[in-house]
Protein backbone atom coordinates (compact mmCIF):
# COMPACT_ATOMS: atom_id res chain seq x y z
CA MET A 1 53.51 240.34 -113.80
CA VAL A 2 56.34 237.87 -114.36
CA PRO A 3 55.04 234.41 -113.46
CA VAL A 4 56.45 232.74 -110.37
CA LEU A 5 58.21 229.53 -111.36
CA MET A 6 56.07 226.57 -110.30
CA LEU A 7 57.62 223.55 -108.62
CA ALA A 8 57.48 220.51 -110.85
CA LEU A 9 55.22 217.76 -109.54
CA CYS A 10 57.29 214.81 -108.46
CA PHE A 11 54.70 212.05 -108.66
CA LYS A 12 52.77 210.32 -111.44
CA VAL A 13 49.02 210.75 -111.76
CA ASP A 14 46.45 208.98 -113.87
CA ALA A 15 44.99 211.10 -116.68
CA GLN A 16 41.65 211.23 -114.87
CA VAL A 17 42.91 211.99 -111.33
CA ILE A 18 41.39 214.96 -109.53
CA GLY A 19 43.44 216.21 -106.56
CA ASN A 20 43.01 218.65 -103.72
CA LEU A 21 44.99 221.84 -103.26
CA GLY A 22 43.95 223.01 -99.80
CA ASP A 23 40.18 223.15 -99.99
CA VAL A 24 40.14 223.63 -103.77
CA GLN A 25 39.74 220.72 -106.17
CA VAL A 26 42.17 220.90 -109.08
CA ASP A 27 42.66 218.80 -112.17
CA GLU A 28 46.33 217.86 -111.94
CA ARG A 29 46.50 217.41 -115.72
CA GLU A 30 46.49 221.20 -115.98
CA PHE A 31 49.78 221.37 -114.08
CA TYR A 32 51.38 218.93 -116.50
CA THR A 33 50.06 220.50 -119.69
CA MET A 34 50.86 224.09 -118.63
CA THR A 35 54.14 225.26 -120.16
CA LYS A 36 55.48 226.70 -116.95
CA GLN A 37 58.92 227.93 -118.01
CA MET A 38 60.45 229.25 -121.23
CA GLY A 39 63.06 226.50 -121.09
CA GLN A 40 60.21 224.01 -120.98
CA PHE A 41 58.65 225.71 -124.03
CA ILE A 42 61.90 225.13 -125.94
CA HIS A 43 62.04 221.46 -124.90
CA ARG A 44 58.41 220.91 -125.98
CA PHE A 45 58.91 222.87 -129.21
CA ASN A 46 61.78 220.50 -130.08
CA TYR A 47 59.90 217.50 -128.68
CA GLU A 48 62.55 216.92 -126.04
CA GLU A 49 59.67 216.83 -123.54
CA ASP A 50 56.14 215.54 -124.01
CA GLN A 51 52.94 217.38 -123.08
CA TYR A 52 52.91 215.70 -119.65
CA GLY A 53 56.29 216.99 -118.61
CA ASN A 54 58.31 213.83 -119.29
CA ARG A 55 61.82 214.73 -120.55
CA LEU A 56 63.15 212.95 -123.62
CA TYR A 57 66.86 212.58 -124.29
CA PRO A 58 69.01 211.55 -127.27
CA GLY A 59 68.67 207.80 -127.55
CA ASP A 60 65.02 207.75 -126.45
CA LYS A 61 62.85 206.36 -129.25
CA ASP A 62 60.55 209.40 -129.21
CA TYR A 63 63.27 212.07 -128.93
CA ARG A 64 62.44 214.81 -131.50
CA ASN A 65 59.96 212.43 -133.15
CA ALA A 66 58.49 214.35 -136.11
CA ALA A 67 54.93 212.99 -135.92
CA LYS A 68 54.60 213.52 -132.17
CA ARG A 69 56.32 216.87 -132.48
CA LYS A 70 53.56 218.09 -134.79
CA ASP A 71 50.96 217.41 -132.10
CA ALA A 72 53.14 218.92 -129.36
CA ILE A 73 53.79 222.17 -131.27
CA ALA A 74 50.08 222.61 -131.99
CA LEU A 75 49.50 222.74 -128.22
CA LEU A 76 52.08 225.52 -127.83
CA PHE A 77 49.86 228.08 -129.58
CA ASP A 78 47.32 230.39 -127.95
CA LEU A 79 44.27 228.52 -129.20
CA GLU A 80 41.92 231.34 -128.18
CA ASN A 81 43.51 233.70 -130.70
CA PRO A 82 42.35 233.32 -134.35
CA ARG A 83 45.73 234.62 -135.54
CA THR A 84 47.52 231.66 -133.97
CA SER A 85 44.98 228.86 -134.30
CA GLY A 86 44.25 228.60 -138.03
CA THR A 87 45.77 227.87 -141.41
CA LEU A 88 48.97 229.87 -140.83
CA ARG A 89 49.72 227.79 -137.72
CA ASN A 90 49.22 224.56 -139.69
CA TYR A 91 51.48 225.81 -142.48
CA PHE A 92 54.15 226.72 -139.90
CA ILE A 93 54.03 223.28 -138.26
CA GLU A 94 54.19 221.51 -141.62
CA ASP A 95 57.10 223.68 -142.76
CA LEU A 96 58.89 223.13 -139.46
CA THR A 97 58.58 219.35 -139.37
CA LYS A 98 58.71 218.29 -143.05
CA ASN A 99 62.47 217.71 -142.73
CA ASN A 100 62.42 217.89 -138.92
CA ASN A 101 65.75 219.71 -138.87
CA GLN A 102 64.75 223.09 -137.42
CA PHE A 103 64.85 223.43 -133.66
CA MET A 104 65.09 226.18 -131.07
CA GLU A 105 68.49 226.49 -129.40
CA PHE A 106 68.85 228.29 -126.07
CA LEU A 107 72.24 229.69 -127.09
CA GLY A 108 71.40 229.81 -130.79
CA GLY A 109 71.00 233.59 -130.91
CA ASP A 110 68.26 235.53 -132.71
CA TRP A 111 65.72 235.36 -129.90
CA TYR A 112 65.00 238.18 -127.47
CA SER A 113 63.11 238.86 -124.29
CA GLU A 114 61.02 242.02 -124.01
CA ILE A 115 60.47 243.21 -120.45
CA SER A 116 57.70 245.78 -120.00
CA ALA A 117 58.40 247.64 -116.77
CA LYS A 118 57.33 250.64 -114.76
CA PHE A 119 59.87 253.35 -113.95
CA LYS A 120 59.65 256.68 -112.19
CA TRP A 121 60.91 259.39 -114.51
CA LYS A 122 61.23 262.84 -113.02
CA GLY A 123 58.63 261.90 -110.41
CA GLN A 124 56.07 260.39 -112.82
CA MET A 125 55.33 256.71 -113.44
CA VAL A 126 56.18 255.73 -117.03
CA ASP A 127 56.29 252.59 -119.20
CA ILE A 128 59.59 251.40 -120.63
CA SER A 129 60.31 248.23 -122.61
CA MET A 130 63.77 246.70 -122.27
CA ILE A 131 65.05 244.27 -124.91
CA MET A 132 67.29 241.51 -123.59
CA ALA A 133 69.53 239.06 -125.45
CA LEU A 134 71.66 236.14 -124.36
CA GLU A 135 75.39 236.71 -124.57
CA LYS A 136 78.18 234.20 -124.06
CA ASP A 137 80.20 234.87 -120.92
CA GLY A 138 83.23 232.66 -120.41
CA LEU A 139 81.96 229.09 -120.23
CA GLY A 140 78.39 230.24 -119.61
CA SER A 141 75.99 232.93 -120.74
CA LYS A 142 74.06 235.92 -119.40
CA TRP A 143 71.14 238.17 -120.33
CA VAL A 144 72.15 241.70 -121.41
CA ILE A 145 70.15 244.79 -122.38
CA THR A 146 70.40 245.51 -126.11
CA ASN A 147 67.81 248.28 -126.56
CA VAL A 148 65.03 250.19 -124.83
CA PHE A 149 61.77 251.75 -126.00
CA PHE A 150 60.58 254.83 -124.12
CA SER A 151 58.16 257.34 -125.66
CA GLU A 152 59.97 260.32 -124.13
CA PHE A 153 63.21 259.33 -125.86
CA GLN A 154 61.40 259.03 -129.19
CA LYS A 155 60.15 262.60 -128.72
CA TYR A 156 63.75 263.79 -128.64
CA PHE A 157 64.38 262.34 -132.10
CA PRO A 158 61.23 262.65 -134.24
CA GLN A 159 61.44 261.36 -137.78
CA GLY A 160 61.32 264.55 -139.84
CA GLU A 161 60.16 264.69 -143.44
CA LEU A 162 62.96 264.33 -145.98
CA ALA A 163 62.24 267.76 -147.44
CA GLU A 164 62.47 269.28 -143.97
CA ARG A 165 65.75 267.52 -143.23
CA GLU A 166 67.26 268.65 -146.51
CA LYS A 167 66.90 272.29 -145.42
CA HIS A 168 69.39 271.68 -142.64
CA PHE A 169 72.94 271.36 -143.95
CA LEU A 170 76.33 273.03 -143.94
CA HIS A 171 77.67 274.12 -147.31
CA PRO A 172 80.50 271.87 -148.57
CA MET A 173 82.84 274.88 -148.66
CA SER A 174 82.17 275.78 -145.02
CA HIS A 175 85.70 274.74 -144.07
CA GLU A 176 87.10 277.58 -146.21
CA LEU A 177 85.33 280.03 -143.89
CA ASP A 178 86.59 278.27 -140.75
CA PHE A 179 83.06 276.93 -140.25
CA MET A 180 81.75 280.39 -139.36
CA ASN A 181 78.24 279.10 -140.25
CA ILE A 182 78.34 276.28 -137.71
CA TYR A 183 76.04 278.34 -135.46
CA LYS A 184 73.16 277.12 -137.68
CA ILE A 185 73.43 273.67 -136.12
CA PHE A 186 72.58 275.00 -132.68
CA ASN A 187 69.88 277.51 -133.59
CA ASP A 188 67.13 274.95 -133.14
CA PRO A 189 67.88 272.13 -130.65
CA GLN A 190 64.95 270.12 -132.05
CA THR A 191 66.70 269.65 -135.40
CA VAL A 192 70.33 269.31 -134.27
CA GLU A 193 70.48 265.63 -135.32
CA TYR A 194 69.63 266.62 -138.92
CA TYR A 195 73.26 267.69 -139.23
CA ALA A 196 74.53 264.20 -138.46
CA SER A 197 75.53 261.72 -141.17
CA THR A 198 72.76 259.97 -143.07
CA ASP A 199 73.50 256.66 -141.33
CA TYR A 200 73.12 258.16 -137.83
CA HIS A 201 70.61 256.45 -135.54
CA PRO A 202 69.79 257.57 -131.99
CA ASP A 203 71.29 255.41 -129.26
CA TYR A 204 68.37 255.02 -126.85
CA LEU A 205 70.26 252.61 -124.63
CA THR A 206 72.91 255.22 -123.84
CA LEU A 207 70.16 257.74 -123.06
CA PHE A 208 68.56 255.15 -120.77
CA PHE A 209 71.80 254.59 -118.84
CA TYR A 210 72.45 258.35 -118.68
CA GLU A 211 69.03 259.10 -117.21
CA ILE A 212 69.53 256.37 -114.61
CA LYS A 213 72.97 257.72 -113.68
CA GLN A 214 71.50 261.21 -113.36
CA GLY A 215 68.86 259.89 -110.96
CA ASN A 216 66.02 260.94 -113.29
CA LEU A 217 64.94 257.37 -114.02
CA LYS A 218 64.28 254.82 -111.27
CA PHE A 219 63.07 251.24 -111.69
CA ASP A 220 59.79 250.34 -109.97
CA HIS A 221 58.57 246.92 -111.11
CA VAL A 222 58.12 244.50 -114.02
CA GLU A 223 54.69 244.42 -115.66
CA SER A 224 55.08 241.60 -118.17
CA VAL A 225 57.56 239.56 -120.20
CA LYS A 226 57.39 238.14 -123.71
CA PHE A 227 59.85 236.66 -126.19
CA HIS A 228 60.59 237.35 -129.86
CA VAL A 229 61.97 234.39 -131.81
CA PHE A 230 63.72 234.68 -135.22
CA GLN A 231 65.56 231.34 -135.18
CA ILE A 232 63.23 229.44 -137.51
CA LYS A 233 63.92 229.97 -141.21
CA ASN A 234 61.38 232.32 -142.86
CA TRP A 235 59.34 232.68 -139.65
CA TYR A 236 59.01 235.01 -136.68
CA PHE A 237 56.89 234.36 -133.61
CA GLU A 238 56.20 235.81 -130.17
CA VAL A 239 55.79 233.83 -126.98
CA SER A 240 53.66 235.31 -124.17
CA TRP A 241 52.45 234.19 -120.76
CA PHE A 242 48.81 233.11 -120.34
CA ASN A 243 47.70 232.49 -116.78
CA ARG A 244 44.33 230.79 -117.14
CA SER A 245 42.56 227.54 -116.39
CA GLY A 246 42.38 224.68 -118.85
CA TYR A 247 44.98 222.84 -120.89
CA ASN A 248 46.13 225.80 -122.99
CA SER A 249 48.09 227.98 -120.60
CA GLY A 250 51.58 229.13 -119.64
CA TRP A 251 54.11 230.19 -122.27
CA LEU A 252 52.37 230.03 -125.66
CA ILE A 253 52.90 231.40 -129.17
CA SER A 254 50.85 234.60 -129.29
CA ASN A 255 51.83 235.93 -132.71
CA LEU A 256 53.11 234.27 -135.89
CA ILE A 257 54.38 235.92 -139.07
CA TYR A 258 55.80 234.45 -142.26
CA LEU A 259 58.97 236.49 -142.70
CA LYS A 260 61.69 235.99 -145.30
CA GLU A 261 65.25 235.87 -144.03
CA ASN A 262 66.26 239.11 -145.77
CA GLU A 263 63.27 240.83 -144.14
CA LYS A 264 64.34 239.72 -140.68
CA GLU A 265 67.57 241.70 -140.71
CA ALA A 266 65.93 245.11 -140.41
CA LEU A 267 63.62 243.89 -137.65
CA ILE A 268 66.45 242.28 -135.67
CA LYS A 269 68.33 245.60 -135.87
CA ILE A 270 65.50 247.17 -133.88
CA TYR A 271 66.00 244.68 -131.08
CA GLN A 272 69.81 244.65 -131.25
CA PRO A 273 71.08 247.76 -133.08
CA ASN A 274 74.76 246.93 -132.63
CA LYS A 275 74.56 243.41 -134.04
């Protein structure tokens, strides 16, 4: 489920203080080290906030400090996952901080939220993922839906073999016969899209809106949220929520891939087809 935003603690504590929450003893350091919000993740990633929740601003001596940023970024990884706690992570941090000129920007584009949600579709509970992107709106910004992933929609448009697709065409002289052979397109509804242009791609978002307008698809609840970040040159990473005890919790990097800039374009098109 989407995490409830936690109120920031408004008092200082010694690093060794143990407090009481009702009848339960808690180590208050966990509240400080937990990356409780995605905005906080961005601030810590840029070292505009330290690991104890203290904000840093331009003019502060430690603001975006490269050496301290290295240590801060290392704590933003899921350390229980071997994919995000080894050599690749170290290479990423070194690459990111060697010139210390790459930072995450909230309105910088090329980062997306993926919301996994439950819907009722024709009376049955189904899983649908909605891709969200930030869009400028006047003097501010807003989250908008850019794509959806729903297995039933994919069934409508299976990826046929090239040889199979090449069987379905209208002869280039069909216009001379007033397209009398156009009936072929509609003989088999399962292959109707084979008669579209070669650059045709199904618009799942329009199908999504249509099914909602028809009353076939009804939202139930959100299951989880994660983020996909393409802003850093030659890298892609995911950020997921980890609700657990200890000092490695909250929003953390859960997947990391070295990805050349020209390779990103095709992947970004999946998240935002109309970009």
